[in-house]
Amino acid sequence: QCIRDMYDETKDQSEWRVETEQLAQAERPGPIIEEHLEKYQTFAEYSREEWLHDEAELREKRTMEVQSELELKLIRARKERDMATHDLEHVQAKKTLPIPGNRH
């Protein structure tokens, strides 16, 4: 009978301990979940800002590349124009030169 009483008492204590732990865990997740949610929101916000920064840098780089390409095309066009002008002036100068006697 003594062993039976000790068993019942130990069982009651064990059940009480399990219930107490379950109640404690039921109360605990709220703040932990909120803390984790806040942490993940902060991470998400940081990641978004980093992504936006990277996108802005990429757009700026593309803009600079396009601008450089356009400047290079402009330089080439000016060079071609200058060469064409020089060729035209050369042809006009030759056209106005008198051709000597029998060398037509």
N, C-alpha and C. Protein backbone atom coordinates (compact mmCIF):
# COMPACT_ATOMS: atom_id res chain seq x y z
N GLN A 1 0.83 -1.19 0.00
CA GLN A 1 0.00 0.00 0.00
C GLN A 1 0.88 1.25 0.00
N CYS A 2 1.95 1.27 0.70
CA CYS A 2 2.86 2.41 0.77
C CYS A 2 3.45 2.71 -0.61
N ILE A 3 3.79 1.66 -1.31
CA ILE A 3 4.35 1.82 -2.65
C ILE A 3 3.29 2.40 -3.57
N ARG A 4 2.06 1.92 -3.40
CA ARG A 4 0.97 2.42 -4.23
C ARG A 4 0.74 3.91 -3.96
N ASP A 5 0.79 4.33 -2.71
CA ASP A 5 0.61 5.74 -2.35
C ASP A 5 1.76 6.58 -2.92
N MET A 6 2.97 6.08 -2.83
CA MET A 6 4.13 6.81 -3.38
C MET A 6 4.00 6.94 -4.90
N TYR A 7 3.51 5.88 -5.53
CA TYR A 7 3.31 5.92 -6.98
C TYR A 7 2.28 6.98 -7.36
N ASP A 8 1.14 6.97 -6.64
CA ASP A 8 0.09 7.95 -6.93
C ASP A 8 0.59 9.38 -6.71
N GLU A 9 1.35 9.58 -5.64
CA GLU A 9 1.88 10.92 -5.33
C GLU A 9 2.87 11.37 -6.41
N THR A 10 3.73 10.48 -6.82
CA THR A 10 4.71 10.80 -7.86
C THR A 10 4.00 11.08 -9.17
N LYS A 11 2.97 10.30 -9.44
CA LYS A 11 2.19 10.49 -10.68
C LYS A 11 1.51 11.86 -10.65
N ASP A 12 0.91 12.22 -9.53
CA ASP A 12 0.25 13.53 -9.41
C ASP A 12 1.25 14.67 -9.59
N GLN A 13 2.42 14.52 -8.98
CA GLN A 13 3.45 15.56 -9.12
C GLN A 13 3.91 15.66 -10.57
N SER A 14 4.05 14.55 -11.21
CA SER A 14 4.50 14.53 -12.60
C SER A 14 3.45 15.19 -13.50
N GLU A 15 2.19 14.86 -13.28
CA GLU A 15 1.12 15.48 -14.07
C GLU A 15 1.07 16.99 -13.84
N TRP A 16 1.22 17.37 -12.55
CA TRP A 16 1.22 18.81 -12.23
C TRP A 16 2.37 19.52 -12.93
N ARG A 17 3.56 18.90 -12.89
CA ARG A 17 4.75 19.47 -13.54
C ARG A 17 4.53 19.59 -15.05
N VAL A 18 3.94 18.60 -15.68
CA VAL A 18 3.68 18.63 -17.12
C VAL A 18 2.69 19.74 -17.44
N GLU A 19 1.61 19.86 -16.65
CA GLU A 19 0.63 20.92 -16.89
C GLU A 19 1.25 22.29 -16.72
N THR A 20 2.06 22.45 -15.69
CA THR A 20 2.72 23.74 -15.44
C THR A 20 3.64 24.10 -16.60
N GLU A 21 4.38 23.16 -17.09
CA GLU A 21 5.29 23.39 -18.22
C GLU A 21 4.51 23.73 -19.48
N GLN A 22 3.41 23.03 -19.71
CA GLN A 22 2.58 23.31 -20.89
C GLN A 22 1.99 24.71 -20.82
N LEU A 23 1.54 25.12 -19.64
CA LEU A 23 1.00 26.48 -19.48
C LEU A 23 2.09 27.52 -19.72
N ALA A 24 3.27 27.25 -19.18
CA ALA A 24 4.38 28.18 -19.36
C ALA A 24 4.74 28.30 -20.84
N GLN A 25 4.75 27.18 -21.54
CA GLN A 25 5.06 27.22 -22.97
C GLN A 25 3.96 27.91 -23.76
N ALA A 26 2.72 27.74 -23.35
CA ALA A 26 1.60 28.38 -24.04
C ALA A 26 1.68 29.90 -23.90
N GLU A 27 2.15 30.37 -22.77
CA GLU A 27 2.29 31.81 -22.57
C GLU A 27 3.54 32.36 -23.24
N ARG A 28 4.57 31.58 -23.35
CA ARG A 28 5.86 32.02 -23.87
C ARG A 28 5.88 32.31 -25.37
N PRO A 29 5.28 31.53 -26.24
CA PRO A 29 5.44 31.75 -27.69
C PRO A 29 5.01 33.12 -28.18
N GLY A 30 4.02 33.74 -27.56
CA GLY A 30 3.58 35.05 -28.03
C GLY A 30 4.73 36.03 -28.14
N PRO A 31 5.40 36.35 -27.05
CA PRO A 31 6.53 37.30 -27.14
C PRO A 31 7.67 36.77 -28.02
N ILE A 32 7.92 35.48 -27.99
CA ILE A 32 9.00 34.92 -28.81
C ILE A 32 8.64 35.06 -30.28
N ILE A 33 7.38 34.76 -30.61
CA ILE A 33 6.94 34.88 -32.01
C ILE A 33 7.03 36.33 -32.45
N GLU A 34 6.57 37.25 -31.59
CA GLU A 34 6.65 38.66 -31.93
C GLU A 34 8.10 39.11 -32.10
N GLU A 35 8.97 38.61 -31.23
CA GLU A 35 10.39 38.95 -31.33
C GLU A 35 10.98 38.43 -32.64
N HIS A 36 10.63 37.20 -32.98
CA HIS A 36 11.13 36.62 -34.23
C HIS A 36 10.53 37.35 -35.43
N LEU A 37 9.26 37.69 -35.35
CA LEU A 37 8.61 38.41 -36.43
C LEU A 37 9.29 39.76 -36.65
N GLU A 38 9.57 40.44 -35.56
CA GLU A 38 10.25 41.74 -35.67
C GLU A 38 11.64 41.57 -36.27
N LYS A 39 12.34 40.53 -35.85
CA LYS A 39 13.68 40.27 -36.38
C LYS A 39 13.61 40.00 -37.88
N TYR A 40 12.66 39.16 -38.31
CA TYR A 40 12.56 38.84 -39.73
C TYR A 40 12.07 40.03 -40.55
N GLN A 41 11.22 40.85 -39.96
CA GLN A 41 10.80 42.07 -40.65
C GLN A 41 12.00 42.99 -40.86
N THR A 42 12.85 43.08 -39.84
CA THR A 42 14.05 43.91 -39.96
C THR A 42 14.96 43.36 -41.06
N PHE A 43 15.15 42.04 -41.07
CA PHE A 43 15.96 41.42 -42.12
C PHE A 43 15.36 41.67 -43.50
N ALA A 44 14.04 41.53 -43.61
CA ALA A 44 13.38 41.73 -44.89
C ALA A 44 13.52 43.18 -45.35
N GLU A 45 13.39 44.10 -44.42
CA GLU A 45 13.53 45.52 -44.75
C GLU A 45 14.96 45.82 -45.20
N TYR A 46 15.94 45.27 -44.50
CA TYR A 46 17.34 45.47 -44.88
C TYR A 46 17.60 44.87 -46.26
N SER A 47 17.08 43.67 -46.50
CA SER A 47 17.28 43.02 -47.79
C SER A 47 16.65 43.84 -48.92
N ARG A 48 15.47 44.37 -48.67
CA ARG A 48 14.79 45.18 -49.68
C ARG A 48 15.59 46.44 -49.98
N GLU A 49 16.08 47.11 -48.92
CA GLU A 49 16.87 48.32 -49.13
C GLU A 49 18.16 48.00 -49.89
N GLU A 50 18.77 46.89 -49.56
CA GLU A 50 19.99 46.47 -50.27
C GLU A 50 19.68 46.18 -51.73
N TRP A 51 18.57 45.52 -52.00
CA TRP A 51 18.15 45.21 -53.38
C TRP A 51 17.89 46.51 -54.14
N LEU A 52 17.19 47.45 -53.51
CA LEU A 52 16.92 48.73 -54.17
C LEU A 52 18.21 49.47 -54.47
N HIS A 53 19.15 49.43 -53.53
CA HIS A 53 20.45 50.07 -53.74
C HIS A 53 21.18 49.42 -54.92
N ASP A 54 21.18 48.09 -54.95
CA ASP A 54 21.83 47.36 -56.04
C ASP A 54 21.17 47.69 -57.39
N GLU A 55 19.86 47.76 -57.40
CA GLU A 55 19.14 48.09 -58.63
C GLU A 55 19.49 49.51 -59.10
N ALA A 56 19.57 50.44 -58.15
CA ALA A 56 19.91 51.82 -58.51
C ALA A 56 21.33 51.88 -59.08
N GLU A 57 22.25 51.16 -58.46
CA GLU A 57 23.63 51.11 -58.98
C GLU A 57 23.66 50.51 -60.38
N LEU A 58 22.89 49.45 -60.58
CA LEU A 58 22.85 48.80 -61.90
C LEU A 58 22.28 49.75 -62.95
N ARG A 59 21.20 50.46 -62.62
CA ARG A 59 20.63 51.43 -63.56
C ARG A 59 21.63 52.53 -63.87
N GLU A 60 22.33 53.01 -62.85
CA GLU A 60 23.33 54.06 -63.06
C GLU A 60 24.46 53.55 -63.95
N LYS A 61 24.89 52.33 -63.73
CA LYS A 61 25.95 51.75 -64.55
C LYS A 61 25.50 51.62 -66.01
N ARG A 62 24.26 51.14 -66.21
CA ARG A 62 23.74 51.01 -67.58
C ARG A 62 23.64 52.38 -68.25
N THR A 63 23.18 53.37 -67.49
CA THR A 63 23.06 54.72 -68.04
C THR A 63 24.43 55.24 -68.46
N MET A 64 25.43 55.02 -67.62
CA MET A 64 26.79 55.48 -67.94
C MET A 64 27.33 54.75 -69.17
N GLU A 65 27.04 53.45 -69.28
CA GLU A 65 27.49 52.69 -70.45
C GLU A 65 26.85 53.22 -71.73
N VAL A 66 25.55 53.48 -71.66
CA VAL A 66 24.84 54.01 -72.83
C VAL A 66 25.40 55.39 -73.18
N GLN A 67 25.62 56.21 -72.16
CA GLN A 67 26.16 57.55 -72.40
C GLN A 67 27.55 57.47 -73.02
N SER A 68 28.39 56.58 -72.52
CA SER A 68 29.73 56.42 -73.09
C SER A 68 29.65 55.96 -74.54
N GLU A 69 28.74 55.03 -74.80
CA GLU A 69 28.58 54.52 -76.16
C GLU A 69 28.12 55.65 -77.09
N LEU A 70 27.18 56.47 -76.63
CA LEU A 70 26.71 57.59 -77.45
C LEU A 70 27.82 58.62 -77.69
N GLU A 71 28.62 58.88 -76.65
CA GLU A 71 29.73 59.82 -76.81
C GLU A 71 30.74 59.30 -77.83
N LEU A 72 31.01 57.99 -77.78
CA LEU A 72 31.93 57.38 -78.74
C LEU A 72 31.38 57.50 -80.17
N LYS A 73 30.08 57.24 -80.33
CA LYS A 73 29.46 57.38 -81.65
C LYS A 73 29.54 58.83 -82.13
N LEU A 74 29.34 59.77 -81.22
CA LEU A 74 29.42 61.18 -81.59
C LEU A 74 30.84 61.55 -82.04
N ILE A 75 31.84 61.04 -81.31
CA ILE A 75 33.23 61.30 -81.69
C ILE A 75 33.52 60.72 -83.08
N ARG A 76 33.04 59.50 -83.34
CA ARG A 76 33.25 58.88 -84.65
C ARG A 76 32.55 59.67 -85.75
N ALA A 77 31.32 60.12 -85.47
CA ALA A 77 30.57 60.89 -86.46
C ALA A 77 31.28 62.20 -86.76
N ARG A 78 31.79 62.87 -85.75
CA ARG A 78 32.53 64.12 -85.97
C ARG A 78 33.78 63.87 -86.79
N LYS A 79 34.46 62.77 -86.48
CA LYS A 79 35.69 62.44 -87.22
C LYS A 79 35.36 62.17 -88.70
N GLU A 80 34.28 61.42 -88.94
CA GLU A 80 33.87 61.16 -90.32
C GLU A 80 33.48 62.45 -91.02
N ARG A 81 32.76 63.33 -90.30
CA ARG A 81 32.37 64.61 -90.88
C ARG A 81 33.61 65.44 -91.24
N ASP A 82 34.58 65.48 -90.32
CA ASP A 82 35.80 66.24 -90.58
C ASP A 82 36.56 65.67 -91.78
N MET A 83 36.62 64.35 -91.89
CA MET A 83 37.30 63.73 -93.03
C MET A 83 36.55 64.04 -94.33
N ALA A 84 35.22 63.97 -94.28
CA ALA A 84 34.42 64.27 -95.48
C ALA A 84 34.61 65.73 -95.88
N THR A 85 34.62 66.62 -94.90
CA THR A 85 34.83 68.04 -95.18
C THR A 85 36.20 68.26 -95.81
N HIS A 86 37.21 67.62 -95.24
CA HIS A 86 38.57 67.72 -95.78
C HIS A 86 38.62 67.20 -97.22
N ASP A 87 38.00 66.04 -97.47
CA ASP A 87 37.98 65.48 -98.82
C ASP A 87 37.26 66.41 -99.79
N LEU A 88 36.14 66.98 -99.36
CA LEU A 88 35.39 67.89 -100.20
C LEU A 88 36.23 69.13 -100.53
N GLU A 89 36.90 69.68 -99.52
CA GLU A 89 37.75 70.86 -99.76
C GLU A 89 38.87 70.52 -100.72
N HIS A 90 39.43 69.33 -100.58
CA HIS A 90 40.50 68.89 -101.46
C HIS A 90 39.99 68.78 -102.90
N VAL A 91 38.84 68.18 -103.09
CA VAL A 91 38.25 68.04 -104.43
C VAL A 91 37.95 69.41 -105.02
N GLN A 92 37.38 70.30 -104.23
CA GLN A 92 37.06 71.63 -104.72
C GLN A 92 38.33 72.40 -105.10
N ALA A 93 39.39 72.22 -104.32
CA ALA A 93 40.65 72.90 -104.63
C ALA A 93 41.22 72.37 -105.94
N LYS A 94 41.13 71.09 -106.14
CA LYS A 94 41.63 70.50 -107.39
C LYS A 94 40.78 70.93 -108.57
N LYS A 95 39.51 71.11 -108.37
CA LYS A 95 38.59 71.47 -109.43
C LYS A 95 38.88 72.88 -109.95
N THR A 96 39.30 73.77 -109.11
CA THR A 96 39.54 75.14 -109.51
C THR A 96 40.94 75.37 -110.08
N LEU A 97 41.80 74.37 -109.94
CA LEU A 97 43.14 74.52 -110.50
C LEU A 97 43.08 74.46 -112.03
N PRO A 98 43.78 75.33 -112.69
CA PRO A 98 43.77 75.26 -114.16
C PRO A 98 44.56 74.05 -114.63
N ILE A 99 44.07 73.41 -115.64
CA ILE A 99 44.76 72.26 -116.21
C ILE A 99 45.67 72.78 -117.33
N PRO A 100 46.95 72.45 -117.27
CA PRO A 100 47.87 72.95 -118.30
C PRO A 100 47.52 72.39 -119.69
N GLY A 101 47.84 73.10 -120.66
CA GLY A 101 47.62 72.83 -122.08
C GLY A 101 47.04 71.51 -122.48
N ASN A 102 47.80 70.58 -122.83
CA ASN A 102 47.31 69.35 -123.43
C ASN A 102 47.26 68.18 -122.41
N ARG A 103 46.88 68.42 -121.20
CA ARG A 103 46.83 67.36 -120.18
C ARG A 103 45.43 67.06 -119.67
N HIS A 104 44.45 67.24 -120.44
CA HIS A 104 43.11 66.96 -119.98
C HIS A 104 42.85 65.50 -119.99
